[in-house]
C-alpha cells in the first residue's frame, strides 16, 4: 500500500509546496532551526539516563 510513498516526484512536489508556502527567503531560517532542533534532540537522547523516572 505504501510501497511508492517516497517517489522522486513526491519529493519534488513537496519541495515546491514548501517553497510556495514559506518563500525562498525563509527556507535558510527554517533549515537552520530544524538542524538545531535535531541536534538538541540527539543531545538530550544521548544524555538521558534510563534508570531515572523523569
C-alpha atoms as a PDB file:
ATOM      1  CA  UNK A   1       0.000   0.000   0.000  1.00  0.00           C
ATOM      2  CA  UNK A   2       2.784   2.442   0.912  1.00  0.00           C
ATOM      3  CA  UNK A   3       5.433   0.964  -1.379  1.00  0.00           C
ATOM      4  CA  UNK A   4       5.798   4.012  -3.630  1.00  0.00           C
ATOM      5  CA  UNK A   5       5.284   6.608  -0.907  1.00  0.00           C
ATOM      6  CA  UNK A   6       8.770   8.112  -1.266  1.00  0.00           C
ATOM      7  CA  UNK A   7       8.892   8.582  -5.005  1.00  0.00           C
ATOM      8  CA  UNK A   8      11.146  11.279  -6.543  1.00  0.00           C
ATOM      9  CA  UNK A   9       8.077  13.010  -7.973  1.00  0.00           C
ATOM     10  CA  UNK A  10       6.525  13.222  -4.497  1.00  0.00           C
ATOM     11  CA  UNK A  11       9.693  14.755  -3.070  1.00  0.00           C
ATOM     12  CA  UNK A  12       9.796  17.364  -5.854  1.00  0.00           C
ATOM     13  CA  UNK A  13       6.133  18.260  -5.338  1.00  0.00           C
ATOM     14  CA  UNK A  14       6.688  18.527  -1.585  1.00  0.00           C
ATOM     15  CA  UNK A  15       9.666  20.824  -2.150  1.00  0.00           C
ATOM     16  CA  UNK A  16       7.653  23.071  -4.466  1.00  0.00           C
ATOM     17  CA  UNK A  17       4.831  23.283  -1.929  1.00  0.00           C
ATOM     18  CA  UNK A  18       7.249  24.164   0.890  1.00  0.00           C
ATOM     19  CA  UNK A  19       8.850  26.924  -1.200  1.00  0.00           C
ATOM     20  CA  UNK A  20       5.412  28.200  -2.173  1.00  0.00           C
ATOM     21  CA  UNK A  21       4.170  28.318   1.431  1.00  0.00           C
ATOM     22  CA  UNK A  22       7.247  29.716   3.183  1.00  0.00           C
ATOM     23  CA  UNK A  23       9.008  31.537   0.366  1.00  0.00           C
ATOM     24  CA  UNK A  24      12.638  31.191  -0.662  1.00  0.00           C
ATOM     25  CA  UNK A  25      13.847  33.833   1.799  1.00  0.00           C
ATOM     26  CA  UNK A  26      12.628  31.919   4.866  1.00  0.00           C
ATOM     27  CA  UNK A  27      13.998  28.493   3.858  1.00  0.00           C
ATOM     28  CA  UNK A  28      17.523  29.058   5.280  1.00  0.00           C
ATOM     29  CA  UNK A  29      15.999  30.108   8.618  1.00  0.00           C
ATOM     30  CA  UNK A  30      13.743  27.065   8.669  1.00  0.00           C
ATOM     31  CA  UNK A  31      16.554  24.650   7.817  1.00  0.00           C
ATOM     32  CA  UNK A  32      18.831  26.146  10.474  1.00  0.00           C
ATOM     33  CA  UNK A  33      16.070  25.897  13.047  1.00  0.00           C
ATOM     34  CA  UNK A  34      15.377  22.297  12.079  1.00  0.00           C
ATOM     35  CA  UNK A  35      19.074  21.454  12.362  1.00  0.00           C
ATOM     36  CA  UNK A  36      19.302  22.991  15.846  1.00  0.00           C
ATOM     37  CA  UNK A  37      16.193  21.093  16.930  1.00  0.00           C
ATOM     38  CA  UNK A  38      17.581  17.781  15.694  1.00  0.00           C
ATOM     39  CA  UNK A  39      20.934  18.414  17.395  1.00  0.00           C
ATOM     40  CA  UNK A  40      19.237  19.270  20.704  1.00  0.00           C
ATOM     41  CA  UNK A  41      17.057  16.165  20.444  1.00  0.00           C
ATOM     42  CA  UNK A  42      20.055  13.906  19.795  1.00  0.00           C
ATOM     43  CA  UNK A  43      21.972  15.559  22.637  1.00  0.00           C
ATOM     44  CA  UNK A  44      19.092  15.018  25.054  1.00  0.00           C
ATOM     45  CA  UNK A  45      18.779  11.368  23.990  1.00  0.00           C
ATOM     46  CA  UNK A  46      22.497  10.813  24.492  1.00  0.00           C
ATOM     47  CA  UNK A  47      22.499  12.412  27.954  1.00  0.00           C
ATOM     48  CA  UNK A  48      19.287  10.826  29.229  1.00  0.00           C
ATOM     49  CA  UNK A  49      19.508   8.236  31.987  1.00  0.00           C
ATOM     50  CA  UNK A  50      17.061   5.342  31.507  1.00  0.00           C
ATOM     51  CA  UNK A  51      17.202   4.471  35.235  1.00  0.00           C
ATOM     52  CA  UNK A  52      15.552   7.721  36.356  1.00  0.00           C
ATOM     53  CA  UNK A  53      11.830   8.420  36.234  1.00  0.00           C
ATOM     54  CA  UNK A  54      11.915  11.944  34.871  1.00  0.00           C
END
